[in-house]
Amino acid sequence: MTFSYKTMGTCSQYINISVDGKIIEDVSFTGGCAGNLKGIAALVKGMDIDDAIAKLSGITCGFKPTSCPDQLARALKEYKEQNNF
């Protein structure tokens, strides 16, 4: 399943995520720091959703209360809620 998430409070505007059950297949960000976000996407590929959420939740960016990794965790939480995981 593929879904998009509109981010809030970050330089990236959207996150597109492909998931097979509870395994992350692919992640791409629209906007933001391209190199860092490609790195995050590569690191979470093949990861269980719960593991990614645990590692990324609460990460901040400078003075902002959130970050692109935190927004990815929030997107994955929303996916879980919508799909009753």
C-alpha atoms as a PDB file:
ATOM      1  CA  MET A   1       0.000   0.000   0.000  1.00  0.00           C
ATOM      2  CA  THR A   2       1.229   3.492  -0.842  1.00  0.00           C
ATOM      3  CA  PHE A   3       0.124   6.629   0.961  1.00  0.00           C
ATOM      4  CA  SER A   4       1.079  10.283   1.244  1.00  0.00           C
ATOM      5  CA  TYR A   5       1.385  12.367   4.380  1.00  0.00           C
ATOM      6  CA  LYS A   6       1.338  16.187   4.476  1.00  0.00           C
ATOM      7  CA  THR A   7       4.012  17.271   6.914  1.00  0.00           C
ATOM      8  CA  MET A   8       3.691  20.165   9.352  1.00  0.00           C
ATOM      9  CA  GLY A   9       6.482  22.335  10.731  1.00  0.00           C
ATOM     10  CA  THR A  10       9.288  21.027   8.512  1.00  0.00           C
ATOM     11  CA  CYS A  11      11.048  22.000   5.294  1.00  0.00           C
ATOM     12  CA  SER A  12       9.678  18.926   3.546  1.00  0.00           C
ATOM     13  CA  GLN A  13       6.055  19.241   2.454  1.00  0.00           C
ATOM     14  CA  TYR A  14       5.037  15.613   1.830  1.00  0.00           C
ATOM     15  CA  ILE A  15       6.198  12.097   2.590  1.00  0.00           C
ATOM     16  CA  ASN A  16       5.253   9.251   0.241  1.00  0.00           C
ATOM     17  CA  ILE A  17       5.465   5.831   1.853  1.00  0.00           C
ATOM     18  CA  SER A  18       5.045   2.312   0.469  1.00  0.00           C
ATOM     19  CA  VAL A  19       4.297  -0.374   3.034  1.00  0.00           C
ATOM     20  CA  ASP A  20       3.743  -4.113   2.766  1.00  0.00           C
ATOM     21  CA  GLY A  21       1.845  -5.080   5.899  1.00  0.00           C
ATOM     22  CA  LYS A  22       4.062  -3.702   8.655  1.00  0.00           C
ATOM     23  CA  ILE A  23       7.273  -3.499   6.604  1.00  0.00           C
ATOM     24  CA  ILE A  24       8.397  -0.223   5.008  1.00  0.00           C
ATOM     25  CA  GLU A  25       9.193  -0.780   1.330  1.00  0.00           C
ATOM     26  CA  ASP A  26      10.031   2.761   0.221  1.00  0.00           C
ATOM     27  CA  VAL A  27       9.984   6.353   1.479  1.00  0.00           C
ATOM     28  CA  SER A  28      10.419   9.592  -0.458  1.00  0.00           C
ATOM     29  CA  PHE A  29      10.200  13.181   0.731  1.00  0.00           C
ATOM     30  CA  THR A  30       9.102  16.247  -1.244  1.00  0.00           C
ATOM     31  CA  GLY A  31      11.252  19.206  -0.236  1.00  0.00           C
ATOM     32  CA  GLY A  32      13.697  19.319   2.643  1.00  0.00           C
ATOM     33  CA  CYS A  33      17.383  18.403   2.783  1.00  0.00           C
ATOM     34  CA  ALA A  34      17.700  15.920  -0.074  1.00  0.00           C
ATOM     35  CA  GLY A  35      20.822  14.063   1.068  1.00  0.00           C
ATOM     36  CA  ASN A  36      19.712  13.618   4.668  1.00  0.00           C
ATOM     37  CA  LEU A  37      16.222  12.545   3.655  1.00  0.00           C
ATOM     38  CA  LYS A  38      17.541  10.017   1.131  1.00  0.00           C
ATOM     39  CA  GLY A  39      19.665   8.630   3.956  1.00  0.00           C
ATOM     40  CA  ILE A  40      16.685   8.323   6.284  1.00  0.00           C
ATOM     41  CA  ALA A  41      14.685   6.639   3.522  1.00  0.00           C
ATOM     42  CA  ALA A  42      17.485   4.129   2.914  1.00  0.00           C
ATOM     43  CA  LEU A  43      17.817   3.366   6.628  1.00  0.00           C
ATOM     44  CA  VAL A  44      14.123   2.627   7.179  1.00  0.00           C
ATOM     45  CA  LYS A  45      13.678   0.544   4.006  1.00  0.00           C
ATOM     46  CA  GLY A  46      12.851  -3.016   5.089  1.00  0.00           C
ATOM     47  CA  MET A  47      12.243  -1.911   8.685  1.00  0.00           C
ATOM     48  CA  ASP A  48       9.186  -2.829  10.732  1.00  0.00           C
ATOM     49  CA  ILE A  49       6.866   0.168  11.193  1.00  0.00           C
ATOM     50  CA  ASP A  50       6.995  -0.088  15.001  1.00  0.00           C
ATOM     51  CA  ASP A  51      10.806  -0.089  15.022  1.00  0.00           C
ATOM     52  CA  ALA A  52      10.921   3.006  12.802  1.00  0.00           C
ATOM     53  CA  ILE A  53       8.389   4.808  14.994  1.00  0.00           C
ATOM     54  CA  ALA A  54      10.392   3.984  18.123  1.00  0.00           C
ATOM     55  CA  LYS A  55      13.639   5.270  16.606  1.00  0.00           C
ATOM     56  CA  LEU A  56      12.293   8.438  14.941  1.00  0.00           C
ATOM     57  CA  SER A  57       9.588   9.758  17.281  1.00  0.00           C
ATOM     58  CA  GLY A  58      10.446  12.935  19.127  1.00  0.00           C
ATOM     59  CA  ILE A  59      13.479  13.957  17.076  1.00  0.00           C
ATOM     60  CA  THR A  60      13.582  17.741  16.744  1.00  0.00           C
ATOM     61  CA  CYS A  61      15.255  20.026  14.198  1.00  0.00           C
ATOM     62  CA  GLY A  62      16.968  23.057  15.724  1.00  0.00           C
ATOM     63  CA  PHE A  63      14.375  25.169  17.522  1.00  0.00           C
ATOM     64  CA  LYS A  64      11.454  23.364  15.871  1.00  0.00           C
ATOM     65  CA  PRO A  65       9.391  20.943  17.992  1.00  0.00           C
ATOM     66  CA  THR A  66       9.453  18.358  15.170  1.00  0.00           C
ATOM     67  CA  SER A  67      11.672  17.192  12.292  1.00  0.00           C
ATOM     68  CA  CYS A  68      11.400  15.238   9.067  1.00  0.00           C
ATOM     69  CA  PRO A  69      12.189  11.957  10.889  1.00  0.00           C
ATOM     70  CA  ASP A  70       9.561  12.797  13.537  1.00  0.00           C
ATOM     71  CA  GLN A  71       7.049  13.581  10.783  1.00  0.00           C
ATOM     72  CA  LEU A  72       7.793  10.184   9.221  1.00  0.00           C
ATOM     73  CA  ALA A  73       7.070   8.549  12.586  1.00  0.00           C
ATOM     74  CA  ARG A  74       3.788  10.482  12.807  1.00  0.00           C
ATOM     75  CA  ALA A  75       2.875   9.381   9.268  1.00  0.00           C
ATOM     76  CA  LEU A  76       3.537   5.754  10.183  1.00  0.00           C
ATOM     77  CA  LYS A  77       1.429   6.089  13.349  1.00  0.00           C
ATOM     78  CA  GLU A  78      -1.425   7.473  11.251  1.00  0.00           C
ATOM     79  CA  TYR A  79      -1.047   4.569   8.797  1.00  0.00           C
ATOM     80  CA  LYS A  80      -1.264   2.103  11.697  1.00  0.00           C
ATOM     81  CA  GLU A  81      -4.401   3.759  13.061  1.00  0.00           C
ATOM     82  CA  GLN A  82      -6.111   3.787   9.660  1.00  0.00           C
ATOM     83  CA  ASN A  83      -5.277   0.131   9.053  1.00  0.00           C
ATOM     84  CA  ASN A  84      -5.954  -1.171  12.576  1.00  0.00           C
ATOM     85  CA  PHE A  85      -2.429  -2.419  13.313  1.00  0.00           C
END
